[in-house]
Amino acid sequence: MKKSFILIFCTLFFLTSLNSDAEIKREDVLKETSHLNKGILKKAKDSIGNLNPLSYLKKRKKCKVLADRQDTVAEGKKNYKLCMNE
């Protein structure tokens, strides 16, 4: 009786873990292939985002001032990139 209970418990645990792994893999595949269904223009729009020339120039000016205030060139470049990616 005890052995059969342990056998059933282990079987159910094993099947549950296999099912959860399959769901995770399926979600990963859907995320990875979602870009394949988009057209060229939609891909470009997603990569550019909401790019407005005026706001870009204001942001660039602000980030450049912050980069110039850093002690070293490397720190300035790093902070400039971080500021522009925000």
N, C-alpha and C. Protein backbone atom coordinates (compact mmCIF):
# COMPACT_ATOMS: atom_id res chain seq x y z
N MET A 1 0.83 -1.19 0.00
CA MET A 1 0.00 0.00 0.00
C MET A 1 0.88 1.26 0.00
N LYS A 2 1.87 1.25 0.87
CA LYS A 2 2.75 2.40 0.98
C LYS A 2 3.56 2.59 -0.31
N LYS A 3 4.04 1.47 -0.88
CA LYS A 3 4.82 1.56 -2.11
C LYS A 3 3.97 2.08 -3.28
N SER A 4 2.74 1.64 -3.34
CA SER A 4 1.88 2.10 -4.43
C SER A 4 1.56 3.60 -4.27
N PHE A 5 1.38 4.06 -3.04
CA PHE A 5 1.14 5.48 -2.80
C PHE A 5 2.35 6.31 -3.23
N ILE A 6 3.53 5.85 -2.89
CA ILE A 6 4.76 6.56 -3.26
C ILE A 6 4.91 6.56 -4.78
N LEU A 7 4.60 5.43 -5.43
CA LEU A 7 4.70 5.33 -6.87
C LEU A 7 3.73 6.29 -7.56
N ILE A 8 2.51 6.38 -7.08
CA ILE A 8 1.52 7.29 -7.66
C ILE A 8 1.94 8.74 -7.44
N PHE A 9 2.42 9.06 -6.26
CA PHE A 9 2.86 10.41 -5.95
C PHE A 9 4.02 10.83 -6.85
N CYS A 10 4.99 9.97 -7.01
CA CYS A 10 6.15 10.28 -7.86
C CYS A 10 5.74 10.44 -9.32
N THR A 11 4.83 9.60 -9.79
CA THR A 11 4.35 9.69 -11.17
C THR A 11 3.64 11.01 -11.41
N LEU A 12 2.75 11.40 -10.48
CA LEU A 12 2.03 12.66 -10.62
C LEU A 12 2.98 13.86 -10.58
N PHE A 13 3.96 13.79 -9.70
CA PHE A 13 4.93 14.88 -9.60
C PHE A 13 5.74 15.00 -10.89
N PHE A 14 6.16 13.87 -11.44
CA PHE A 14 6.94 13.86 -12.67
C PHE A 14 6.12 14.41 -13.84
N LEU A 15 4.87 14.00 -13.96
CA LEU A 15 4.02 14.48 -15.06
C LEU A 15 3.72 15.97 -14.93
N THR A 16 3.55 16.45 -13.72
CA THR A 16 3.29 17.87 -13.51
C THR A 16 4.51 18.70 -13.89
N SER A 17 5.68 18.23 -13.54
CA SER A 17 6.89 18.99 -13.87
C SER A 17 7.12 19.00 -15.39
N LEU A 18 6.81 17.93 -16.08
CA LEU A 18 6.95 17.91 -17.53
C LEU A 18 5.98 18.88 -18.20
N ASN A 19 4.77 18.94 -17.70
CA ASN A 19 3.76 19.83 -18.27
C ASN A 19 4.16 21.30 -18.07
N SER A 20 4.67 21.65 -16.91
CA SER A 20 5.04 23.04 -16.66
C SER A 20 6.24 23.44 -17.51
N ASP A 21 7.18 22.54 -17.74
CA ASP A 21 8.32 22.84 -18.61
C ASP A 21 7.87 23.06 -20.05
N ALA A 22 6.90 22.29 -20.50
CA ALA A 22 6.41 22.44 -21.86
C ALA A 22 5.72 23.79 -22.04
N GLU A 23 4.97 24.25 -21.03
CA GLU A 23 4.30 25.54 -21.13
C GLU A 23 5.31 26.68 -21.17
N ILE A 24 6.35 26.57 -20.37
CA ILE A 24 7.38 27.61 -20.36
C ILE A 24 8.08 27.67 -21.72
N LYS A 25 8.42 26.54 -22.27
CA LYS A 25 9.10 26.50 -23.56
C LYS A 25 8.21 27.06 -24.66
N ARG A 26 6.91 26.75 -24.61
CA ARG A 26 5.98 27.25 -25.63
C ARG A 26 5.90 28.78 -25.56
N GLU A 27 5.85 29.34 -24.35
CA GLU A 27 5.80 30.80 -24.20
C GLU A 27 7.08 31.44 -24.71
N ASP A 28 8.22 30.82 -24.45
CA ASP A 28 9.49 31.36 -24.93
C ASP A 28 9.54 31.37 -26.46
N VAL A 29 9.05 30.30 -27.07
CA VAL A 29 9.05 30.22 -28.53
C VAL A 29 8.14 31.29 -29.11
N LEU A 30 6.99 31.52 -28.50
CA LEU A 30 6.07 32.54 -29.01
C LEU A 30 6.68 33.93 -28.89
N LYS A 31 7.40 34.21 -27.81
CA LYS A 31 8.04 35.51 -27.65
C LYS A 31 9.15 35.70 -28.68
N GLU A 32 9.91 34.65 -28.94
CA GLU A 32 11.02 34.75 -29.87
C GLU A 32 10.56 34.90 -31.31
N THR A 33 9.42 34.32 -31.66
CA THR A 33 8.97 34.36 -33.05
C THR A 33 7.93 35.45 -33.30
N SER A 34 7.60 36.26 -32.32
CA SER A 34 6.58 37.29 -32.52
C SER A 34 7.04 38.34 -33.51
N HIS A 35 8.33 38.60 -33.61
CA HIS A 35 8.83 39.60 -34.55
C HIS A 35 8.73 39.13 -36.00
N LEU A 36 8.60 37.84 -36.23
CA LEU A 36 8.52 37.32 -37.60
C LEU A 36 7.18 37.65 -38.25
N ASN A 37 6.16 37.85 -37.46
CA ASN A 37 4.83 38.11 -38.01
C ASN A 37 4.61 39.58 -38.34
N LYS A 38 5.53 40.46 -37.98
CA LYS A 38 5.38 41.88 -38.21
C LYS A 38 5.94 42.26 -39.58
N GLY A 39 5.36 43.32 -40.13
CA GLY A 39 5.86 43.84 -41.40
C GLY A 39 7.09 44.70 -41.19
N ILE A 40 7.68 45.13 -42.29
CA ILE A 40 8.91 45.92 -42.22
C ILE A 40 8.67 47.25 -41.53
N LEU A 41 7.55 47.90 -41.85
CA LEU A 41 7.27 49.21 -41.25
C LEU A 41 7.00 49.11 -39.75
N LYS A 42 6.30 48.05 -39.34
CA LYS A 42 6.02 47.88 -37.92
C LYS A 42 7.31 47.59 -37.14
N LYS A 43 8.21 46.82 -37.75
CA LYS A 43 9.50 46.56 -37.10
C LYS A 43 10.29 47.84 -36.93
N ALA A 44 10.28 48.68 -37.96
CA ALA A 44 11.01 49.95 -37.89
C ALA A 44 10.40 50.86 -36.84
N LYS A 45 9.08 50.89 -36.78
CA LYS A 45 8.41 51.75 -35.79
C LYS A 45 8.71 51.27 -34.38
N ASP A 46 8.74 49.98 -34.16
CA ASP A 46 9.05 49.45 -32.83
C ASP A 46 10.48 49.76 -32.42
N SER A 47 11.40 49.71 -33.36
CA SER A 47 12.79 49.97 -33.02
C SER A 47 13.04 51.45 -32.79
N ILE A 48 12.34 52.31 -33.50
CA ILE A 48 12.53 53.75 -33.34
C ILE A 48 11.74 54.28 -32.16
N GLY A 49 10.53 53.79 -31.98
CA GLY A 49 9.68 54.27 -30.90
C GLY A 49 9.05 55.60 -31.28
N ASN A 50 8.75 56.40 -30.29
CA ASN A 50 8.17 57.72 -30.53
C ASN A 50 9.30 58.73 -30.66
N LEU A 51 9.82 58.83 -31.84
CA LEU A 51 10.95 59.70 -32.09
C LEU A 51 10.46 61.00 -32.72
N ASN A 52 10.63 62.08 -31.99
CA ASN A 52 10.27 63.40 -32.47
C ASN A 52 11.57 64.19 -32.56
N PRO A 53 11.87 64.80 -33.70
CA PRO A 53 13.16 65.51 -33.84
C PRO A 53 13.38 66.59 -32.79
N LEU A 54 12.34 67.32 -32.43
CA LEU A 54 12.51 68.38 -31.44
C LEU A 54 12.80 67.82 -30.05
N SER A 55 12.06 66.80 -29.67
CA SER A 55 12.32 66.22 -28.35
C SER A 55 13.68 65.52 -28.32
N TYR A 56 14.09 64.93 -29.46
CA TYR A 56 15.39 64.28 -29.52
C TYR A 56 16.51 65.29 -29.32
N LEU A 57 16.40 66.45 -29.97
CA LEU A 57 17.45 67.46 -29.83
C LEU A 57 17.51 68.02 -28.42
N LYS A 58 16.35 68.20 -27.78
CA LYS A 58 16.34 68.67 -26.39
C LYS A 58 16.99 67.64 -25.47
N LYS A 59 16.63 66.40 -25.69
CA LYS A 59 17.19 65.31 -24.87
C LYS A 59 18.69 65.21 -25.09
N ARG A 60 19.12 65.33 -26.34
CA ARG A 60 20.55 65.25 -26.67
C ARG A 60 21.32 66.37 -25.99
N LYS A 61 20.74 67.56 -26.01
CA LYS A 61 21.40 68.71 -25.38
C LYS A 61 21.53 68.49 -23.88
N LYS A 62 20.46 68.00 -23.25
CA LYS A 62 20.48 67.74 -21.81
C LYS A 62 21.51 66.67 -21.47
N CYS A 63 21.53 65.60 -22.25
CA CYS A 63 22.46 64.50 -21.99
C CYS A 63 23.91 64.93 -22.23
N LYS A 64 24.11 65.80 -23.22
CA LYS A 64 25.46 66.28 -23.50
C LYS A 64 25.99 67.13 -22.35
N VAL A 65 25.12 67.95 -21.77
CA VAL A 65 25.52 68.77 -20.62
C VAL A 65 25.88 67.86 -19.44
N LEU A 66 25.08 66.84 -19.21
CA LEU A 66 25.37 65.91 -18.11
C LEU A 66 26.68 65.16 -18.36
N ALA A 67 26.95 64.80 -19.60
CA ALA A 67 28.18 64.08 -19.92
C ALA A 67 29.39 64.98 -19.75
N ASP A 68 29.26 66.26 -20.07
CA ASP A 68 30.38 67.19 -19.93
C ASP A 68 30.75 67.47 -18.48
N ARG A 69 29.84 67.22 -17.57
CA ARG A 69 30.09 67.47 -16.15
C ARG A 69 30.85 66.34 -15.47
N GLN A 70 31.02 65.22 -16.15
CA GLN A 70 31.70 64.07 -15.55
C GLN A 70 33.20 64.30 -15.48
N ASP A 71 33.85 63.57 -14.58
CA ASP A 71 35.29 63.73 -14.36
C ASP A 71 36.13 63.17 -15.51
N THR A 72 35.73 62.02 -16.03
CA THR A 72 36.51 61.41 -17.11
C THR A 72 35.65 61.26 -18.36
N VAL A 73 36.32 61.06 -19.48
CA VAL A 73 35.61 60.89 -20.75
C VAL A 73 34.79 59.60 -20.73
N ALA A 74 35.33 58.54 -20.16
CA ALA A 74 34.64 57.27 -20.12
C ALA A 74 33.34 57.37 -19.33
N GLU A 75 33.38 58.05 -18.19
CA GLU A 75 32.17 58.24 -17.39
C GLU A 75 31.16 59.09 -18.15
N GLY A 76 31.65 60.10 -18.87
CA GLY A 76 30.77 60.94 -19.66
C GLY A 76 30.06 60.17 -20.74
N LYS A 77 30.80 59.31 -21.45
CA LYS A 77 30.20 58.50 -22.51
C LYS A 77 29.17 57.53 -21.93
N LYS A 78 29.51 56.93 -20.81
CA LYS A 78 28.60 55.98 -20.18
C LYS A 78 27.30 56.67 -19.77
N ASN A 79 27.42 57.82 -19.12
CA ASN A 79 26.23 58.54 -18.68
C ASN A 79 25.43 59.08 -19.86
N TYR A 80 26.11 59.49 -20.92
CA TYR A 80 25.42 59.97 -22.11
C TYR A 80 24.57 58.86 -22.73
N LYS A 81 25.14 57.66 -22.84
CA LYS A 81 24.40 56.53 -23.40
C LYS A 81 23.20 56.16 -22.53
N LEU A 82 23.41 56.16 -21.21
CA LEU A 82 22.31 55.85 -20.31
C LEU A 82 21.20 56.89 -20.42
N CYS A 83 21.59 58.15 -20.49
CA CYS A 83 20.61 59.23 -20.60
C CYS A 83 19.84 59.13 -21.91
N MET A 84 20.50 58.83 -22.99
CA MET A 84 19.83 58.75 -24.29
C MET A 84 18.91 57.53 -24.38
N ASN A 85 19.20 56.47 -23.65
CA ASN A 85 18.38 55.27 -23.70
C ASN A 85 17.14 55.37 -22.82
N GLU A 86 17.06 56.37 -21.97
CA GLU A 86 15.90 56.52 -21.09
C GLU A 86 14.69 56.95 -21.85
